[in-house]
Amino acid sequence: MSSSGGGRPDPFAEGRTAGLRPEGRRRGAQPPSEELGWDEFEKVDMRVGVVVRAEPFPEARKPAYKLWIDLGPLGERRSSAQITDHYTAEALLGRQVVCVVNFAPKRIGPFVSEVLVLGAYTNGREVVLLRPDREVEVGSRIG
């Protein structure tokens, strides 16, 4: 390894493989669900939108909100999101979110969900929404 100053080894000298186990994972890390090729990843169209309307979805089997999301040049799209553990409907208004916009629409009871709002699972079931760490133009593509 090369030195990063101060006589200490540079952990990035060997690229992202430094410190990885021979099978390519850190100790205790879970393997990904399934490996995708770059061409498959490029087919997923993820965009930044802003929540313009949010209301409870009492017809859903699990607690959820109905969301209306402005995606700029793509227009307004709807989504059902099981995010009631961490958010109120009022707190969602004006919030930027990251959405997959090119899934086929999915009927959830009387509501048609047109985009998938992305979040990270905590405690195995609760969802924390993903968003840019700075405000960006609505409709911006994620890459």
C-alpha atoms as a PDB file:
ATOM      1  CA  MET A   1       0.000   0.000   0.000  1.00  0.00           C
ATOM      2  CA  SER A   2       1.106   3.507  -0.609  1.00  0.00           C
ATOM      3  CA  SER A   3       1.269   6.071   2.135  1.00  0.00           C
ATOM      4  CA  SER A   4      -1.305   8.835   2.538  1.00  0.00           C
ATOM      5  CA  GLY A   5       1.016  11.041   4.571  1.00  0.00           C
ATOM      6  CA  GLY A   6       2.111  10.707   8.160  1.00  0.00           C
ATOM      7  CA  GLY A   7       3.503   7.221   7.457  1.00  0.00           C
ATOM      8  CA  ARG A   8       0.055   5.607   7.596  1.00  0.00           C
ATOM      9  CA  PRO A   9      -1.060   3.225   4.835  1.00  0.00           C
ATOM     10  CA  ASP A  10      -3.580   4.604   2.345  1.00  0.00           C
ATOM     11  CA  PRO A  11      -6.727   2.425   2.634  1.00  0.00           C
ATOM     12  CA  PHE A  12      -7.828   3.470  -0.880  1.00  0.00           C
ATOM     13  CA  ALA A  13      -4.541   2.649  -2.623  1.00  0.00           C
ATOM     14  CA  GLU A  14      -5.908  -0.655  -3.880  1.00  0.00           C
ATOM     15  CA  GLY A  15      -9.283   0.775  -4.848  1.00  0.00           C
ATOM     16  CA  ARG A  16     -12.514  -0.372  -3.282  1.00  0.00           C
ATOM     17  CA  THR A  17     -11.251  -3.927  -2.758  1.00  0.00           C
ATOM     18  CA  ALA A  18      -8.926  -2.948   0.097  1.00  0.00           C
ATOM     19  CA  GLY A  19     -10.013  -4.657   3.296  1.00  0.00           C
ATOM     20  CA  LEU A  20     -12.459  -7.036   1.596  1.00  0.00           C
ATOM     21  CA  ARG A  21     -12.538 -10.747   2.275  1.00  0.00           C
ATOM     22  CA  PRO A  22     -11.478 -13.042  -0.599  1.00  0.00           C
ATOM     23  CA  GLU A  23     -15.098 -13.617  -1.647  1.00  0.00           C
ATOM     24  CA  GLY A  24     -15.498  -9.841  -2.027  1.00  0.00           C
ATOM     25  CA  ARG A  25     -17.493  -9.100   1.151  1.00  0.00           C
ATOM     26  CA  ARG A  26     -16.687  -7.645   4.522  1.00  0.00           C
ATOM     27  CA  ARG A  27     -17.105  -9.980   7.490  1.00  0.00           C
ATOM     28  CA  GLY A  28     -20.782 -10.276   8.411  1.00  0.00           C
ATOM     29  CA  ALA A  29     -22.012  -8.531   5.254  1.00  0.00           C
ATOM     30  CA  GLN A  30     -25.051  -9.940   3.491  1.00  0.00           C
ATOM     31  CA  PRO A  31     -24.728 -10.739  -0.215  1.00  0.00           C
ATOM     32  CA  PRO A  32     -26.904  -8.719  -2.625  1.00  0.00           C
ATOM     33  CA  SER A  33     -30.174 -10.282  -3.755  1.00  0.00           C
ATOM     34  CA  GLU A  34     -29.091 -10.808  -7.335  1.00  0.00           C
ATOM     35  CA  GLU A  35     -26.297  -9.296  -9.390  1.00  0.00           C
ATOM     36  CA  LEU A  36     -27.402  -6.943 -12.179  1.00  0.00           C
ATOM     37  CA  GLY A  37     -25.515  -5.961 -15.262  1.00  0.00           C
ATOM     38  CA  TRP A  38     -24.896  -2.267 -15.946  1.00  0.00           C
ATOM     39  CA  ASP A  39     -27.282  -2.373 -18.910  1.00  0.00           C
ATOM     40  CA  GLU A  40     -30.064  -3.620 -16.598  1.00  0.00           C
ATOM     41  CA  PHE A  41     -29.387  -0.882 -14.035  1.00  0.00           C
ATOM     42  CA  GLU A  42     -29.546   1.793 -16.732  1.00  0.00           C
ATOM     43  CA  LYS A  43     -33.129   0.724 -17.510  1.00  0.00           C
ATOM     44  CA  VAL A  44     -34.282   1.825 -14.038  1.00  0.00           C
ATOM     45  CA  ASP A  45     -35.392   5.458 -14.354  1.00  0.00           C
ATOM     46  CA  MET A  46     -35.088   7.122 -10.935  1.00  0.00           C
ATOM     47  CA  ARG A  47     -36.070  10.764 -10.550  1.00  0.00           C
ATOM     48  CA  VAL A  48     -36.372  13.401  -7.869  1.00  0.00           C
ATOM     49  CA  GLY A  49     -39.893  14.572  -7.194  1.00  0.00           C
ATOM     50  CA  VAL A  50     -41.640  16.686  -4.602  1.00  0.00           C
ATOM     51  CA  VAL A  51     -44.704  15.607  -2.639  1.00  0.00           C
ATOM     52  CA  VAL A  52     -47.543  18.029  -3.431  1.00  0.00           C
ATOM     53  CA  ARG A  53     -50.380  16.122  -1.765  1.00  0.00           C
ATOM     54  CA  ALA A  54     -50.502  13.401   0.895  1.00  0.00           C
ATOM     55  CA  GLU A  55     -53.462  11.779   2.578  1.00  0.00           C
ATOM     56  CA  PRO A  56     -54.173   8.686   4.640  1.00  0.00           C
ATOM     57  CA  PHE A  57     -54.985   5.486   2.731  1.00  0.00           C
ATOM     58  CA  PRO A  58     -57.464   3.694   5.016  1.00  0.00           C
ATOM     59  CA  GLU A  59     -58.315   1.063   2.373  1.00  0.00           C
ATOM     60  CA  ALA A  60     -54.734  -0.264   2.318  1.00  0.00           C
ATOM     61  CA  ARG A  61     -54.052  -3.532   4.174  1.00  0.00           C
ATOM     62  CA  LYS A  62     -51.088  -1.972   6.018  1.00  0.00           C
ATOM     63  CA  PRO A  63     -50.985   1.668   7.183  1.00  0.00           C
ATOM     64  CA  ALA A  64     -50.036   3.853   4.215  1.00  0.00           C
ATOM     65  CA  TYR A  65     -50.407   7.234   2.568  1.00  0.00           C
ATOM     66  CA  LYS A  66     -51.585   8.137  -0.905  1.00  0.00           C
ATOM     67  CA  LEU A  67     -49.023  10.531  -2.368  1.00  0.00           C
ATOM     68  CA  TRP A  68     -49.151  12.852  -5.358  1.00  0.00           C
ATOM     69  CA  ILE A  69     -45.642  13.679  -6.552  1.00  0.00           C
ATOM     70  CA  ASP A  70     -44.597  16.439  -8.949  1.00  0.00           C
ATOM     71  CA  LEU A  71     -41.862  15.088 -11.214  1.00  0.00           C
ATOM     72  CA  GLY A  72     -41.322  18.249 -13.255  1.00  0.00           C
ATOM     73  CA  PRO A  73     -41.287  17.455 -16.983  1.00  0.00           C
ATOM     74  CA  LEU A  74     -42.845  14.021 -16.292  1.00  0.00           C
ATOM     75  CA  GLY A  75     -45.887  15.609 -14.657  1.00  0.00           C
ATOM     76  CA  GLU A  76     -47.638  14.560 -11.499  1.00  0.00           C
ATOM     77  CA  ARG A  77     -47.702  10.885 -10.540  1.00  0.00           C
ATOM     78  CA  ARG A  78     -49.325   8.951  -7.695  1.00  0.00           C
ATOM     79  CA  SER A  79     -47.835   6.495  -5.235  1.00  0.00           C
ATOM     80  CA  SER A  80     -48.933   4.472  -2.233  1.00  0.00           C
ATOM     81  CA  ALA A  81     -46.289   4.435   0.491  1.00  0.00           C
ATOM     82  CA  GLN A  82     -46.146   2.517   3.783  1.00  0.00           C
ATOM     83  CA  ILE A  83     -44.272   5.252   5.632  1.00  0.00           C
ATOM     84  CA  THR A  84     -46.638   6.072   8.499  1.00  0.00           C
ATOM     85  CA  ASP A  85     -44.122   5.014  11.193  1.00  0.00           C
ATOM     86  CA  HIS A  86     -41.891   8.048  10.607  1.00  0.00           C
ATOM     87  CA  TYR A  87     -44.003  10.638   8.764  1.00  0.00           C
ATOM     88  CA  THR A  88     -47.269  12.503   9.043  1.00  0.00           C
ATOM     89  CA  ALA A  89     -49.115  13.465   5.877  1.00  0.00           C
ATOM     90  CA  GLU A  90     -48.474  17.142   6.655  1.00  0.00           C
ATOM     91  CA  ALA A  91     -44.719  16.603   7.116  1.00  0.00           C
ATOM     92  CA  LEU A  92     -44.484  15.044   3.642  1.00  0.00           C
ATOM     93  CA  LEU A  93     -45.785  18.124   1.809  1.00  0.00           C
ATOM     94  CA  GLY A  94     -42.982  19.887  -0.052  1.00  0.00           C
ATOM     95  CA  ARG A  95     -40.489  17.097   0.688  1.00  0.00           C
ATOM     96  CA  GLN A  96     -38.194  15.925  -2.102  1.00  0.00           C
ATOM     97  CA  VAL A  97     -38.240  12.168  -2.671  1.00  0.00           C
ATOM     98  CA  VAL A  98     -36.537   9.695  -5.006  1.00  0.00           C
ATOM     99  CA  CYS A  99     -38.870   7.632  -7.214  1.00  0.00           C
ATOM    100  CA  VAL A 100     -38.642   4.864  -9.778  1.00  0.00           C
ATOM    101  CA  VAL A 101     -40.827   6.228 -12.576  1.00  0.00           C
ATOM    102  CA  ASN A 102     -40.793   3.457 -15.160  1.00  0.00           C
ATOM    103  CA  PHE A 103     -42.516   0.566 -13.367  1.00  0.00           C
ATOM    104  CA  ALA A 104     -45.900  -0.428 -14.696  1.00  0.00           C
ATOM    105  CA  PRO A 105     -48.781   1.080 -12.674  1.00  0.00           C
ATOM    106  CA  LYS A 106     -49.993  -1.110  -9.809  1.00  0.00           C
ATOM    107  CA  ARG A 107     -53.533  -1.154  -8.436  1.00  0.00           C
ATOM    108  CA  ILE A 108     -53.655  -1.146  -4.647  1.00  0.00           C
ATOM    109  CA  GLY A 109     -57.324  -1.402  -3.707  1.00  0.00           C
ATOM    110  CA  PRO A 110     -59.114   1.598  -5.216  1.00  0.00           C
ATOM    111  CA  PHE A 111     -55.840   3.483  -5.869  1.00  0.00           C
ATOM    112  CA  VAL A 112     -53.383   3.173  -8.772  1.00  0.00           C
ATOM    113  CA  SER A 113     -49.743   3.629  -7.795  1.00  0.00           C
ATOM    114  CA  GLU A 114     -47.719   4.969 -10.744  1.00  0.00           C
ATOM    115  CA  VAL A 115     -44.249   5.365  -9.191  1.00  0.00           C
ATOM    116  CA  LEU A 116     -42.259   3.664  -6.446  1.00  0.00           C
ATOM    117  CA  VAL A 117     -41.011   6.023  -3.740  1.00  0.00           C
ATOM    118  CA  LEU A 118     -37.653   4.742  -2.456  1.00  0.00           C
ATOM    119  CA  GLY A 119     -36.665   4.347   1.159  1.00  0.00           C
ATOM    120  CA  ALA A 120     -34.403   2.394   3.469  1.00  0.00           C
ATOM    121  CA  TYR A 121     -35.814  -0.259   5.811  1.00  0.00           C
ATOM    122  CA  THR A 122     -35.096   0.183   9.499  1.00  0.00           C
ATOM    123  CA  ASN A 123     -35.990  -2.382  12.150  1.00  0.00           C
ATOM    124  CA  GLY A 124     -36.872  -4.765   9.333  1.00  0.00           C
ATOM    125  CA  ARG A 125     -40.119  -3.028   8.370  1.00  0.00           C
ATOM    126  CA  GLU A 126     -40.147   0.749   8.949  1.00  0.00           C
ATOM    127  CA  VAL A 127     -39.193   2.914   5.973  1.00  0.00           C
ATOM    128  CA  VAL A 128     -37.091   6.085   5.964  1.00  0.00           C
ATOM    129  CA  LEU A 129     -37.412   7.979   2.687  1.00  0.00           C
ATOM    130  CA  LEU A 130     -34.441   8.638   0.436  1.00  0.00           C
ATOM    131  CA  ARG A 131     -33.863  12.192  -0.743  1.00  0.00           C
ATOM    132  CA  PRO A 132     -31.024  14.316  -2.092  1.00  0.00           C
ATOM    133  CA  ASP A 133     -28.908  15.934   0.612  1.00  0.00           C
ATOM    134  CA  ARG A 134     -29.417  19.281  -1.181  1.00  0.00           C
ATOM    135  CA  GLU A 135     -32.461  20.576  -2.979  1.00  0.00           C
ATOM    136  CA  VAL A 136     -32.243  19.748  -6.684  1.00  0.00           C
ATOM    137  CA  GLU A 137     -34.389  20.490  -9.709  1.00  0.00           C
ATOM    138  CA  VAL A 138     -37.637  18.532  -9.725  1.00  0.00           C
ATOM    139  CA  GLY A 139     -37.432  15.730 -12.295  1.00  0.00           C
ATOM    140  CA  SER A 140     -33.641  15.364 -11.992  1.00  0.00           C
ATOM    141  CA  ARG A 141     -32.487  11.904 -12.941  1.00  0.00           C
ATOM    142  CA  ILE A 142     -30.645   9.771 -10.387  1.00  0.00           C
ATOM    143  CA  GLY A 143     -27.524   8.055 -11.675  1.00  0.00           C
END
